[in-house]
Amino acid sequence: MDAEEQNQVDALQKRIDSLLKQTPDMQRKTRFADYRPDHTPEIVQKLMQAATPGGTKGVEAALNEFDRLAVKEDIGRMQHALMLFLMHDSAANELGLRIPPLEQRSVWKTLPGKRKQ
């Protein structure tokens, strides 16, 4: 991978990190829950279809599709679909794109609470 392509991959990873970042306010507003039956297959399918060009262009097209769909869809549902896309898309895997760890996505979920003494 040359330097230009590595810069594109780094930019895509930063964009993914940003799209998957969660806040307590977002958590309160979403109606999506992991324990319910999967309500995201059609969104994942749309992201996969957008990524058909492959490589960085395909992943970028899928992220653009995410932005387009996120305007009218539940953000929790969209983030779940993006994580599924990243797990199953061969181009994303080949480029080394990853789902950021929970500590990055939702730091407020991982910080220890204050103990009452």
C-alpha atoms as a PDB file:
ATOM      1  CA  MET A   1       0.000   0.000   0.000  1.00  0.00           C
ATOM      2  CA  ASP A   2       1.492   3.326  -1.053  1.00  0.00           C
ATOM      3  CA  ALA A   3       1.442   6.509   1.053  1.00  0.00           C
ATOM      4  CA  GLU A   4      -1.514   8.049  -0.783  1.00  0.00           C
ATOM      5  CA  GLU A   5      -3.675   4.971  -0.287  1.00  0.00           C
ATOM      6  CA  GLN A   6      -2.609   4.770   3.372  1.00  0.00           C
ATOM      7  CA  ASN A   7      -3.719   8.384   3.833  1.00  0.00           C
ATOM      8  CA  GLN A   8      -7.104   7.500   2.316  1.00  0.00           C
ATOM      9  CA  VAL A   9      -7.450   4.505   4.646  1.00  0.00           C
ATOM     10  CA  ASP A  10      -6.511   6.658   7.655  1.00  0.00           C
ATOM     11  CA  ALA A  11      -9.127   9.248   6.642  1.00  0.00           C
ATOM     12  CA  LEU A  12     -11.759   6.505   6.269  1.00  0.00           C
ATOM     13  CA  GLN A  13     -10.892   5.122   9.709  1.00  0.00           C
ATOM     14  CA  LYS A  14     -11.227   8.585  11.270  1.00  0.00           C
ATOM     15  CA  ARG A  15     -14.608   8.976   9.593  1.00  0.00           C
ATOM     16  CA  ILE A  16     -15.722   5.565  10.873  1.00  0.00           C
ATOM     17  CA  ASP A  17     -14.537   6.460  14.381  1.00  0.00           C
ATOM     18  CA  SER A  18     -16.579   9.659  14.209  1.00  0.00           C
ATOM     19  CA  LEU A  19     -19.721   7.952  12.863  1.00  0.00           C
ATOM     20  CA  LEU A  20     -19.640   5.317  15.600  1.00  0.00           C
ATOM     21  CA  LYS A  21     -19.025   7.730  18.477  1.00  0.00           C
ATOM     22  CA  GLN A  22     -21.887   7.688  20.971  1.00  0.00           C
ATOM     23  CA  THR A  23     -22.993  10.117  23.642  1.00  0.00           C
ATOM     24  CA  PRO A  24     -25.386   9.636  26.571  1.00  0.00           C
ATOM     25  CA  ASP A  25     -27.881  11.882  24.768  1.00  0.00           C
ATOM     26  CA  MET A  26     -27.764   9.675  21.665  1.00  0.00           C
ATOM     27  CA  GLN A  27     -28.319   6.620  23.854  1.00  0.00           C
ATOM     28  CA  ARG A  28     -31.446   8.177  25.376  1.00  0.00           C
ATOM     29  CA  LYS A  29     -32.893   9.097  21.978  1.00  0.00           C
ATOM     30  CA  THR A  30     -32.369   5.798  20.162  1.00  0.00           C
ATOM     31  CA  ARG A  31     -35.056   3.156  20.062  1.00  0.00           C
ATOM     32  CA  PHE A  32     -32.616   0.492  18.862  1.00  0.00           C
ATOM     33  CA  ALA A  33     -31.543  -2.257  21.261  1.00  0.00           C
ATOM     34  CA  ASP A  34     -29.122  -5.105  20.586  1.00  0.00           C
ATOM     35  CA  TYR A  35     -31.322  -7.659  22.323  1.00  0.00           C
ATOM     36  CA  ARG A  36     -34.256  -7.161  19.963  1.00  0.00           C
ATOM     37  CA  PRO A  37     -34.467  -9.056  16.694  1.00  0.00           C
ATOM     38  CA  ASP A  38     -32.227  -7.548  14.028  1.00  0.00           C
ATOM     39  CA  HIS A  39     -33.917  -4.585  12.415  1.00  0.00           C
ATOM     40  CA  THR A  40     -30.954  -3.605  10.270  1.00  0.00           C
ATOM     41  CA  PRO A  41     -30.566  -6.116   7.408  1.00  0.00           C
ATOM     42  CA  GLU A  42     -31.946  -3.781   4.769  1.00  0.00           C
ATOM     43  CA  ILE A  43     -29.591  -0.999   5.872  1.00  0.00           C
ATOM     44  CA  VAL A  44     -26.598  -3.343   5.824  1.00  0.00           C
ATOM     45  CA  GLN A  45     -27.666  -4.467   2.344  1.00  0.00           C
ATOM     46  CA  LYS A  46     -27.783  -0.845   1.150  1.00  0.00           C
ATOM     47  CA  LEU A  47     -24.294  -0.220   2.550  1.00  0.00           C
ATOM     48  CA  MET A  48     -22.998  -3.386   0.858  1.00  0.00           C
ATOM     49  CA  GLN A  49     -24.551  -2.375  -2.466  1.00  0.00           C
ATOM     50  CA  ALA A  50     -22.964   1.070  -2.228  1.00  0.00           C
ATOM     51  CA  ALA A  51     -19.582  -0.565  -1.604  1.00  0.00           C
ATOM     52  CA  THR A  52     -19.615  -2.619  -4.824  1.00  0.00           C
ATOM     53  CA  PRO A  53     -16.811  -0.599  -6.468  1.00  0.00           C
ATOM     54  CA  GLY A  54     -14.492  -2.135  -3.857  1.00  0.00           C
ATOM     55  CA  GLY A  55     -11.398  -0.709  -2.222  1.00  0.00           C
ATOM     56  CA  THR A  56     -11.334   2.733  -0.679  1.00  0.00           C
ATOM     57  CA  LYS A  57     -13.872   4.060  -3.206  1.00  0.00           C
ATOM     58  CA  GLY A  58     -16.358   1.369  -2.214  1.00  0.00           C
ATOM     59  CA  VAL A  59     -15.984   1.976   1.519  1.00  0.00           C
ATOM     60  CA  GLU A  60     -16.251   5.721   0.952  1.00  0.00           C
ATOM     61  CA  ALA A  61     -19.447   5.179  -1.064  1.00  0.00           C
ATOM     62  CA  ALA A  62     -20.857   3.055   1.782  1.00  0.00           C
ATOM     63  CA  LEU A  63     -20.055   5.801   4.308  1.00  0.00           C
ATOM     64  CA  ASN A  64     -21.736   8.359   2.041  1.00  0.00           C
ATOM     65  CA  GLU A  65     -24.787   6.073   1.918  1.00  0.00           C
ATOM     66  CA  PHE A  66     -24.674   5.896   5.721  1.00  0.00           C
ATOM     67  CA  ASP A  67     -24.760   9.712   5.891  1.00  0.00           C
ATOM     68  CA  ARG A  68     -27.674   9.818   3.461  1.00  0.00           C
ATOM     69  CA  LEU A  69     -29.701   7.227   5.390  1.00  0.00           C
ATOM     70  CA  ALA A  70     -28.822   8.605   8.846  1.00  0.00           C
ATOM     71  CA  VAL A  71     -30.875  11.726   8.151  1.00  0.00           C
ATOM     72  CA  LYS A  72     -34.118   9.758   8.475  1.00  0.00           C
ATOM     73  CA  GLU A  73     -33.118   6.598  10.394  1.00  0.00           C
ATOM     74  CA  ASP A  74     -32.516   5.938  14.079  1.00  0.00           C
ATOM     75  CA  ILE A  75     -28.821   6.572  14.841  1.00  0.00           C
ATOM     76  CA  GLY A  76     -28.482   3.469  17.014  1.00  0.00           C
ATOM     77  CA  ARG A  77     -29.842   1.344  14.198  1.00  0.00           C
ATOM     78  CA  MET A  78     -27.505   3.008  11.715  1.00  0.00           C
ATOM     79  CA  GLN A  79     -24.448   2.507  13.898  1.00  0.00           C
ATOM     80  CA  HIS A  80     -25.313  -1.154  14.375  1.00  0.00           C
ATOM     81  CA  ALA A  81     -25.662  -1.566  10.600  1.00  0.00           C
ATOM     82  CA  LEU A  82     -22.302   0.137  10.030  1.00  0.00           C
ATOM     83  CA  MET A  83     -20.601  -2.207  12.478  1.00  0.00           C
ATOM     84  CA  LEU A  84     -22.121  -5.215  10.700  1.00  0.00           C
ATOM     85  CA  PHE A  85     -20.971  -3.791   7.373  1.00  0.00           C
ATOM     86  CA  LEU A  86     -17.419  -3.373   8.691  1.00  0.00           C
ATOM     87  CA  MET A  87     -17.379  -6.951   9.986  1.00  0.00           C
ATOM     88  CA  HIS A  88     -18.560  -8.485   6.720  1.00  0.00           C
ATOM     89  CA  ASP A  89     -17.270  -6.284   3.893  1.00  0.00           C
ATOM     90  CA  SER A  90     -14.184  -7.808   2.306  1.00  0.00           C
ATOM     91  CA  ALA A  91     -12.773  -4.455   1.131  1.00  0.00           C
ATOM     92  CA  ALA A  92     -13.037  -2.973   4.630  1.00  0.00           C
ATOM     93  CA  ASN A  93     -11.269  -6.036   6.026  1.00  0.00           C
ATOM     94  CA  GLU A  94      -8.528  -5.951   3.390  1.00  0.00           C
ATOM     95  CA  LEU A  95      -7.905  -2.266   4.080  1.00  0.00           C
ATOM     96  CA  GLY A  96      -7.622  -2.961   7.810  1.00  0.00           C
ATOM     97  CA  LEU A  97     -10.605  -0.804   8.746  1.00  0.00           C
ATOM     98  CA  ARG A  98     -11.979  -1.707  12.135  1.00  0.00           C
ATOM     99  CA  ILE A  99     -14.720  -0.993  14.618  1.00  0.00           C
ATOM    100  CA  PRO A 100     -13.222   1.238  17.282  1.00  0.00           C
ATOM    101  CA  PRO A 101     -13.170  -0.275  20.779  1.00  0.00           C
ATOM    102  CA  LEU A 102     -15.955   0.590  23.205  1.00  0.00           C
ATOM    103  CA  GLU A 103     -13.560   2.819  25.141  1.00  0.00           C
ATOM    104  CA  GLN A 104     -13.339   5.055  22.070  1.00  0.00           C
ATOM    105  CA  ARG A 105     -16.944   4.823  20.899  1.00  0.00           C
ATOM    106  CA  SER A 106     -18.625   5.324  24.266  1.00  0.00           C
ATOM    107  CA  VAL A 107     -16.112   6.368  26.874  1.00  0.00           C
ATOM    108  CA  TRP A 108     -18.915   7.265  29.266  1.00  0.00           C
ATOM    109  CA  LYS A 109     -19.963   3.593  29.330  1.00  0.00           C
ATOM    110  CA  THR A 110     -16.535   2.399  30.427  1.00  0.00           C
ATOM    111  CA  LEU A 111     -15.536   4.901  33.098  1.00  0.00           C
ATOM    112  CA  PRO A 112     -16.027   3.622  36.608  1.00  0.00           C
ATOM    113  CA  GLY A 113     -18.783   5.297  38.593  1.00  0.00           C
ATOM    114  CA  LYS A 114     -18.087   7.140  41.809  1.00  0.00           C
ATOM    115  CA  ARG A 115     -18.516   4.955  44.853  1.00  0.00           C
ATOM    116  CA  LYS A 116     -20.538   6.216  47.731  1.00  0.00           C
ATOM    117  CA  GLN A 117     -18.608   5.944  50.968  1.00  0.00           C
END
